[in-house]
Amino acid sequence: MEFVMCPIGVIHSPFTERRQTPHQSSCSQTVGQVEVQPEFVEGLRDIEGFSHIILLYVFHCASGYALRVQSPLDRKLHGLFATRHPYRPNAIGLSVVRLLHRHATILEVEGIDVLDGTPLLDIKPYVPGFDAHLDEVRTGWYAGQTVQS
């Protein structure tokens, strides 16, 4: 089965090389812009009421994948699906960012951790009651790791 997705916009950031990007959006205070194509502007209605949004995008500069990878947090090999590594069979990324302002089709956000020109697939509101699972959380091999940008 094959799926075809078309970007709904583009993410603008100051990062032009992968080595410049923070490891996760929670490690970033970088401001960027999410530019939504004009035909999708009606879909932004009411988004200003949310402090955070979830961006789904394509790792457009990643190619290939491995099922065992190293994390920047340690040098051990881990299963790909137990990491946030960008080289994946379906190069889909996810970032939770703070929504600062909306200007027509442009969302100004804080917490950018992607390359400039990243194709945007979707935007979802961050809702703690749906998205934050704090009871009995296990973090696998990440437990005890210090995350740095």
N, C-alpha and C. Protein backbone atom coordinates (compact mmCIF):
# COMPACT_ATOMS: atom_id res chain seq x y z
N MET A 1 0.84 -1.17 0.00
CA MET A 1 0.00 0.00 0.00
C MET A 1 0.89 1.24 0.00
N GLU A 2 0.53 2.21 -0.76
CA GLU A 2 1.30 3.45 -0.86
C GLU A 2 0.38 4.63 -0.57
N PHE A 3 0.93 5.62 0.11
CA PHE A 3 0.20 6.84 0.42
C PHE A 3 0.89 8.01 -0.23
N VAL A 4 0.12 8.95 -0.73
CA VAL A 4 0.68 10.17 -1.30
C VAL A 4 0.20 11.32 -0.44
N MET A 5 1.13 12.14 0.03
CA MET A 5 0.79 13.31 0.83
C MET A 5 1.34 14.54 0.16
N CYS A 6 0.59 15.61 0.25
CA CYS A 6 1.02 16.89 -0.30
C CYS A 6 1.20 17.87 0.84
N PRO A 7 2.30 18.63 0.84
CA PRO A 7 2.50 19.61 1.91
C PRO A 7 1.38 20.66 1.93
N ILE A 8 1.04 21.08 3.15
CA ILE A 8 0.07 22.17 3.31
C ILE A 8 0.78 23.49 3.53
N GLY A 9 2.11 23.44 3.60
CA GLY A 9 2.89 24.65 3.82
C GLY A 9 4.36 24.31 3.97
N VAL A 10 5.09 25.27 4.52
CA VAL A 10 6.54 25.11 4.70
C VAL A 10 6.93 25.74 6.03
N ILE A 11 7.95 25.16 6.66
CA ILE A 11 8.47 25.68 7.91
C ILE A 11 9.75 26.44 7.62
N HIS A 12 9.82 27.66 8.12
CA HIS A 12 11.01 28.51 7.95
C HIS A 12 11.77 28.58 9.27
N SER A 13 13.06 28.37 9.19
CA SER A 13 13.91 28.43 10.37
C SER A 13 15.26 29.02 9.99
N PRO A 14 16.06 29.40 10.98
CA PRO A 14 17.41 29.89 10.66
C PRO A 14 18.40 28.77 10.37
N PHE A 15 17.97 27.52 10.47
CA PHE A 15 18.89 26.39 10.33
C PHE A 15 18.97 25.92 8.88
N THR A 16 20.17 25.96 8.32
CA THR A 16 20.37 25.54 6.94
C THR A 16 21.15 24.22 6.84
N GLU A 17 21.70 23.76 7.96
CA GLU A 17 22.43 22.50 7.99
C GLU A 17 21.96 21.68 9.18
N ARG A 18 21.88 20.37 8.99
CA ARG A 18 21.35 19.48 10.03
C ARG A 18 22.09 19.64 11.35
N ARG A 19 23.38 19.82 11.31
CA ARG A 19 24.17 19.91 12.55
C ARG A 19 23.80 21.15 13.37
N GLN A 20 23.12 22.12 12.77
CA GLN A 20 22.71 23.33 13.48
C GLN A 20 21.43 23.14 14.29
N THR A 21 20.64 22.16 13.93
CA THR A 21 19.31 22.04 14.54
C THR A 21 19.40 21.46 15.95
N PRO A 22 18.57 21.96 16.85
CA PRO A 22 18.48 21.36 18.19
C PRO A 22 17.97 19.92 18.07
N HIS A 23 18.26 19.11 19.08
CA HIS A 23 17.87 17.69 19.03
C HIS A 23 16.36 17.50 19.13
N GLN A 24 15.68 18.39 19.83
CA GLN A 24 14.23 18.31 19.98
C GLN A 24 13.68 19.72 20.15
N SER A 25 12.40 19.89 19.85
CA SER A 25 11.79 21.21 19.99
C SER A 25 11.79 21.69 21.44
N SER A 26 11.72 20.77 22.40
CA SER A 26 11.74 21.16 23.81
C SER A 26 13.09 21.71 24.23
N CYS A 27 14.12 21.51 23.41
CA CYS A 27 15.47 22.01 23.69
C CYS A 27 15.74 23.32 22.96
N SER A 28 14.76 23.86 22.28
CA SER A 28 14.96 25.03 21.43
C SER A 28 14.12 26.21 21.88
N GLN A 29 14.72 27.38 21.83
CA GLN A 29 13.99 28.62 22.03
C GLN A 29 13.99 29.44 20.73
N THR A 30 14.40 28.80 19.66
CA THR A 30 14.49 29.46 18.36
C THR A 30 13.12 29.76 17.80
N VAL A 31 12.96 30.97 17.30
CA VAL A 31 11.71 31.40 16.69
C VAL A 31 11.77 31.12 15.20
N GLY A 32 10.67 30.63 14.67
CA GLY A 32 10.55 30.38 13.24
C GLY A 32 9.14 30.67 12.79
N GLN A 33 8.90 30.43 11.51
CA GLN A 33 7.58 30.69 10.94
C GLN A 33 7.07 29.43 10.25
N VAL A 34 5.79 29.21 10.43
CA VAL A 34 5.09 28.14 9.74
C VAL A 34 4.20 28.83 8.72
N GLU A 35 4.51 28.65 7.45
CA GLU A 35 3.76 29.30 6.38
C GLU A 35 2.79 28.30 5.77
N VAL A 36 1.51 28.57 5.95
CA VAL A 36 0.47 27.69 5.43
C VAL A 36 0.03 28.20 4.06
N GLN A 37 -0.15 27.31 3.11
CA GLN A 37 -0.59 27.72 1.77
C GLN A 37 -1.96 28.37 1.87
N PRO A 38 -2.21 29.40 1.05
CA PRO A 38 -3.46 30.17 1.14
C PRO A 38 -4.73 29.33 1.07
N GLU A 39 -4.74 28.24 0.33
CA GLU A 39 -5.96 27.44 0.22
C GLU A 39 -6.32 26.72 1.52
N PHE A 40 -5.40 26.73 2.51
CA PHE A 40 -5.66 26.09 3.79
C PHE A 40 -5.86 27.08 4.93
N VAL A 41 -5.90 28.37 4.63
CA VAL A 41 -5.99 29.40 5.67
C VAL A 41 -7.23 29.27 6.53
N GLU A 42 -8.36 28.83 5.98
CA GLU A 42 -9.57 28.67 6.77
C GLU A 42 -9.37 27.62 7.87
N GLY A 43 -8.49 26.69 7.64
CA GLY A 43 -8.18 25.67 8.64
C GLY A 43 -7.45 26.21 9.85
N LEU A 44 -6.93 27.44 9.76
CA LEU A 44 -6.25 28.06 10.90
C LEU A 44 -7.21 28.77 11.85
N ARG A 45 -8.46 28.82 11.48
CA ARG A 45 -9.47 29.50 12.31
C ARG A 45 -9.44 28.93 13.73
N ASP A 46 -9.40 29.79 14.72
CA ASP A 46 -9.42 29.47 16.15
C ASP A 46 -8.10 28.95 16.70
N ILE A 47 -7.05 28.86 15.90
CA ILE A 47 -5.78 28.32 16.38
C ILE A 47 -5.11 29.24 17.40
N GLU A 48 -5.45 30.55 17.36
CA GLU A 48 -4.85 31.51 18.27
C GLU A 48 -5.14 31.21 19.73
N GLY A 49 -6.16 30.42 20.00
CA GLY A 49 -6.52 30.07 21.38
C GLY A 49 -5.62 29.04 22.02
N PHE A 50 -4.69 28.47 21.27
CA PHE A 50 -3.80 27.43 21.78
C PHE A 50 -2.41 27.99 22.05
N SER A 51 -1.81 27.57 23.15
CA SER A 51 -0.45 28.02 23.47
C SER A 51 0.59 27.21 22.69
N HIS A 52 0.28 25.96 22.39
CA HIS A 52 1.21 25.08 21.69
C HIS A 52 0.49 24.35 20.56
N ILE A 53 1.25 24.04 19.52
CA ILE A 53 0.72 23.26 18.41
C ILE A 53 1.71 22.15 18.07
N ILE A 54 1.21 21.12 17.44
CA ILE A 54 2.02 19.99 17.00
C ILE A 54 2.20 20.12 15.49
N LEU A 55 3.44 20.12 15.05
CA LEU A 55 3.75 20.17 13.62
C LEU A 55 4.17 18.78 13.15
N LEU A 56 3.57 18.31 12.08
CA LEU A 56 3.97 17.07 11.43
C LEU A 56 4.58 17.45 10.09
N TYR A 57 5.74 16.92 9.79
CA TYR A 57 6.48 17.38 8.62
C TYR A 57 7.32 16.25 8.04
N VAL A 58 7.94 16.53 6.91
CA VAL A 58 8.79 15.56 6.23
C VAL A 58 10.25 15.91 6.51
N PHE A 59 11.02 14.92 6.91
CA PHE A 59 12.48 15.08 6.99
C PHE A 59 13.00 15.06 5.55
N HIS A 60 12.89 16.18 4.87
CA HIS A 60 13.14 16.24 3.43
C HIS A 60 14.60 16.09 3.04
N CYS A 61 15.52 16.21 3.97
CA CYS A 61 16.94 16.04 3.65
C CYS A 61 17.47 14.68 4.11
N ALA A 62 16.61 13.87 4.70
CA ALA A 62 17.02 12.54 5.14
C ALA A 62 16.83 11.56 3.99
N SER A 63 17.76 10.63 3.88
CA SER A 63 17.60 9.59 2.86
C SER A 63 18.05 8.27 3.45
N GLY A 64 17.28 7.25 3.18
CA GLY A 64 17.60 5.93 3.70
C GLY A 64 17.27 5.82 5.18
N TYR A 65 17.49 4.64 5.72
CA TYR A 65 17.25 4.40 7.13
C TYR A 65 18.02 3.17 7.56
N ALA A 66 18.15 3.02 8.87
CA ALA A 66 18.71 1.82 9.47
C ALA A 66 17.79 1.44 10.61
N LEU A 67 17.65 0.17 10.88
CA LEU A 67 16.77 -0.27 11.94
C LEU A 67 17.42 -0.23 13.32
N ARG A 68 18.75 -0.05 13.35
CA ARG A 68 19.48 0.17 14.60
C ARG A 68 20.32 1.41 14.41
N VAL A 69 20.17 2.37 15.32
CA VAL A 69 20.84 3.66 15.18
C VAL A 69 21.42 4.11 16.51
N GLN A 70 22.35 5.07 16.42
CA GLN A 70 22.91 5.71 17.61
C GLN A 70 22.16 7.01 17.86
N SER A 71 21.92 7.29 19.11
CA SER A 71 21.32 8.55 19.51
C SER A 71 22.44 9.52 19.88
N PRO A 72 22.21 10.81 19.75
CA PRO A 72 23.21 11.77 20.23
C PRO A 72 23.36 11.72 21.75
N LEU A 73 22.42 11.06 22.45
CA LEU A 73 22.46 11.01 23.91
C LEU A 73 23.40 9.94 24.44
N ASP A 74 23.66 8.91 23.64
CA ASP A 74 24.64 7.90 24.03
C ASP A 74 25.16 7.23 22.76
N ARG A 75 26.12 6.38 22.88
CA ARG A 75 26.74 5.77 21.70
C ARG A 75 26.31 4.33 21.50
N LYS A 76 25.30 3.89 22.23
CA LYS A 76 24.80 2.52 22.06
C LYS A 76 23.85 2.47 20.87
N LEU A 77 23.77 1.32 20.24
CA LEU A 77 22.80 1.12 19.18
C LEU A 77 21.44 0.81 19.80
N HIS A 78 20.41 1.45 19.26
CA HIS A 78 19.03 1.25 19.71
C HIS A 78 18.17 0.96 18.49
N GLY A 79 17.06 0.31 18.71
CA GLY A 79 16.11 0.10 17.62
C GLY A 79 15.58 1.46 17.15
N LEU A 80 15.49 1.64 15.86
CA LEU A 80 15.05 2.91 15.28
C LEU A 80 13.77 3.43 15.91
N PHE A 81 12.80 2.54 16.11
CA PHE A 81 11.50 2.97 16.60
C PHE A 81 11.50 3.27 18.10
N ALA A 82 12.64 3.06 18.75
CA ALA A 82 12.82 3.44 20.16
C ALA A 82 13.64 4.73 20.25
N THR A 83 13.75 5.45 19.13
CA THR A 83 14.50 6.71 19.08
C THR A 83 13.69 7.76 18.33
N ARG A 84 14.23 8.97 18.31
CA ARG A 84 13.65 10.07 17.53
C ARG A 84 14.52 10.34 16.29
N HIS A 85 15.32 9.40 15.90
CA HIS A 85 16.25 9.54 14.77
C HIS A 85 15.51 9.93 13.49
N PRO A 86 16.05 10.87 12.69
CA PRO A 86 15.34 11.36 11.50
C PRO A 86 15.37 10.42 10.29
N TYR A 87 16.30 9.48 10.24
CA TYR A 87 16.39 8.59 9.09
C TYR A 87 15.47 7.39 9.32
N ARG A 88 14.25 7.47 8.76
CA ARG A 88 13.18 6.51 9.03
C ARG A 88 12.59 6.01 7.71
N PRO A 89 11.94 4.85 7.71
CA PRO A 89 11.31 4.37 6.48
C PRO A 89 10.33 5.38 5.88
N ASN A 90 9.54 6.00 6.73
CA ASN A 90 8.67 7.11 6.32
C ASN A 90 9.20 8.33 7.07
N ALA A 91 9.85 9.20 6.38
CA ALA A 91 10.60 10.30 6.99
C ALA A 91 9.67 11.39 7.54
N ILE A 92 8.86 11.02 8.53
CA ILE A 92 7.90 11.94 9.13
C ILE A 92 8.43 12.39 10.48
N GLY A 93 8.41 13.71 10.69
CA GLY A 93 8.86 14.28 11.95
C GLY A 93 7.71 14.93 12.68
N LEU A 94 7.92 15.16 13.98
CA LEU A 94 6.92 15.76 14.84
C LEU A 94 7.61 16.71 15.80
N SER A 95 7.07 17.92 15.95
CA SER A 95 7.58 18.88 16.92
C SER A 95 6.41 19.55 17.62
N VAL A 96 6.53 19.73 18.92
CA VAL A 96 5.57 20.52 19.68
C VAL A 96 6.21 21.88 19.90
N VAL A 97 5.57 22.93 19.40
CA VAL A 97 6.12 24.28 19.46
C VAL A 97 5.13 25.22 20.13
N ARG A 98 5.67 26.32 20.67
CA ARG A 98 4.82 27.35 21.29
C ARG A 98 4.33 28.28 20.19
N LEU A 99 3.03 28.50 20.14
CA LEU A 99 2.45 29.43 19.16
C LEU A 99 2.52 30.84 19.74
N LEU A 100 3.25 31.72 19.08
CA LEU A 100 3.41 33.09 19.55
C LEU A 100 2.37 34.03 18.94
N HIS A 101 2.23 33.99 17.62
CA HIS A 101 1.32 34.89 16.91
C HIS A 101 0.88 34.26 15.61
N ARG A 102 -0.24 34.72 15.12
CA ARG A 102 -0.70 34.37 13.78
C ARG A 102 -0.85 35.65 12.98
N HIS A 103 -0.29 35.66 11.78
CA HIS A 103 -0.42 36.77 10.85
C HIS A 103 -0.91 36.18 9.52
N ALA A 104 -2.23 36.17 9.32
CA ALA A 104 -2.85 35.61 8.11
C ALA A 104 -2.43 34.14 7.96
N THR A 105 -1.58 33.83 6.98
CA THR A 105 -1.18 32.44 6.73
C THR A 105 0.14 32.07 7.43
N ILE A 106 0.68 32.97 8.23
CA ILE A 106 1.96 32.74 8.90
C ILE A 106 1.74 32.56 10.40
N LEU A 107 2.27 31.47 10.94
CA LEU A 107 2.27 31.24 12.38
C LEU A 107 3.69 31.45 12.87
N GLU A 108 3.86 32.38 13.80
CA GLU A 108 5.18 32.56 14.42
C GLU A 108 5.23 31.64 15.63
N VAL A 109 6.27 30.82 15.69
CA VAL A 109 6.37 29.80 16.73
C VAL A 109 7.75 29.83 17.38
N GLU A 110 7.80 29.31 18.60
CA GLU A 110 9.06 29.16 19.32
C GLU A 110 9.30 27.69 19.58
N GLY A 111 10.54 27.26 19.41
CA GLY A 111 10.89 25.87 19.62
C GLY A 111 11.22 25.14 18.33
N ILE A 112 11.55 25.91 17.31
CA ILE A 112 11.88 25.31 16.00
C ILE A 112 13.12 24.43 16.12
N ASP A 113 13.03 23.24 15.54
CA ASP A 113 14.16 22.30 15.56
C ASP A 113 14.32 21.61 14.21
N VAL A 114 13.90 22.28 13.13
CA VAL A 114 13.97 21.69 11.78
C VAL A 114 14.72 22.61 10.83
N LEU A 115 15.09 22.04 9.71
CA LEU A 115 15.79 22.81 8.68
C LEU A 115 14.85 23.78 7.98
N ASP A 116 15.40 24.88 7.52
CA ASP A 116 14.63 25.85 6.75
C ASP A 116 14.10 25.17 5.48
N GLY A 117 12.85 25.44 5.17
CA GLY A 117 12.25 24.86 3.98
C GLY A 117 11.61 23.51 4.19
N THR A 118 11.47 23.08 5.44
CA THR A 118 10.88 21.78 5.73
C THR A 118 9.41 21.74 5.31
N PRO A 119 9.02 20.76 4.50
CA PRO A 119 7.61 20.65 4.08
C PRO A 119 6.70 20.28 5.26
N LEU A 120 5.62 21.04 5.43
CA LEU A 120 4.66 20.84 6.50
C LEU A 120 3.53 19.94 6.02
N LEU A 121 3.26 18.86 6.76
CA LEU A 121 2.17 17.94 6.40
C LEU A 121 0.88 18.25 7.14
N ASP A 122 0.97 18.66 8.41
CA ASP A 122 -0.23 18.88 9.19
C ASP A 122 0.09 19.69 10.43
N ILE A 123 -0.95 20.28 11.01
CA ILE A 123 -0.87 21.01 12.28
C ILE A 123 -2.00 20.47 13.15
N LYS A 124 -1.69 20.21 14.40
CA LYS A 124 -2.71 19.79 15.36
C LYS A 124 -2.53 20.62 16.63
N PRO A 125 -3.62 20.92 17.34
CA PRO A 125 -3.46 21.63 18.60
C PRO A 125 -2.89 20.70 19.66
N TYR A 126 -2.04 21.23 20.51
CA TYR A 126 -1.56 20.47 21.66
C TYR A 126 -2.58 20.63 22.78
N VAL A 127 -3.14 19.53 23.23
CA VAL A 127 -4.16 19.52 24.29
C VAL A 127 -3.65 18.59 25.39
N PRO A 128 -3.23 19.14 26.54
CA PRO A 128 -2.65 18.28 27.58
C PRO A 128 -3.51 17.08 27.95
N GLY A 129 -4.83 17.25 28.00
CA GLY A 129 -5.70 16.13 28.35
C GLY A 129 -5.63 14.98 27.37
N PHE A 130 -5.25 15.28 26.12
CA PHE A 130 -5.10 14.25 25.10
C PHE A 130 -3.64 13.81 24.95
N ASP A 131 -2.71 14.78 25.06
CA ASP A 131 -1.34 14.55 24.65
C ASP A 131 -0.35 14.29 25.78
N ALA A 132 -0.66 14.70 27.00
CA ALA A 132 0.26 14.51 28.13
C ALA A 132 -0.16 13.28 28.92
N HIS A 133 0.69 12.29 28.94
CA HIS A 133 0.43 11.05 29.67
C HIS A 133 1.47 10.96 30.78
N LEU A 134 1.11 11.42 31.97
CA LEU A 134 2.08 11.51 33.05
C LEU A 134 1.99 10.36 34.05
N ASP A 135 0.90 9.63 34.06
CA ASP A 135 0.75 8.52 35.00
C ASP A 135 1.47 7.29 34.47
N GLU A 136 2.32 6.73 35.30
CA GLU A 136 3.00 5.48 34.99
C GLU A 136 3.77 5.53 33.67
N VAL A 137 4.42 6.63 33.40
CA VAL A 137 5.21 6.77 32.18
C VAL A 137 6.56 6.07 32.35
N ARG A 138 6.94 5.30 31.35
CA ARG A 138 8.27 4.69 31.29
C ARG A 138 8.97 5.27 30.09
N THR A 139 10.23 5.59 30.20
CA THR A 139 10.96 6.22 29.10
C THR A 139 12.09 5.34 28.57
N GLY A 140 12.01 4.05 28.83
CA GLY A 140 12.98 3.12 28.25
C GLY A 140 14.41 3.54 28.48
N TRP A 141 15.23 3.40 27.45
CA TRP A 141 16.65 3.72 27.56
C TRP A 141 16.90 5.21 27.74
N TYR A 142 15.89 6.07 27.47
CA TYR A 142 16.06 7.51 27.70
C TYR A 142 16.12 7.87 29.18
N ALA A 143 15.63 6.99 30.05
CA ALA A 143 15.61 7.27 31.49
C ALA A 143 17.01 7.63 31.97
N GLY A 144 17.12 8.73 32.66
CA GLY A 144 18.40 9.17 33.19
C GLY A 144 19.27 9.93 32.21
N GLN A 145 18.84 10.04 30.95
CA GLN A 145 19.61 10.78 29.96
C GLN A 145 19.37 12.28 30.13
N THR A 146 20.39 13.07 29.91
CA THR A 146 20.26 14.52 29.92
C THR A 146 20.14 14.99 28.50
N VAL A 147 19.03 15.64 28.18
CA VAL A 147 18.79 16.12 26.82
C VAL A 147 19.31 17.53 26.72
N GLN A 148 20.15 17.77 25.70
CA GLN A 148 20.69 19.10 25.45
C GLN A 148 20.46 19.44 24.00
N SER A 149 20.36 20.73 23.71
CA SER A 149 20.15 21.14 22.32
C SER A 149 21.40 21.03 21.49
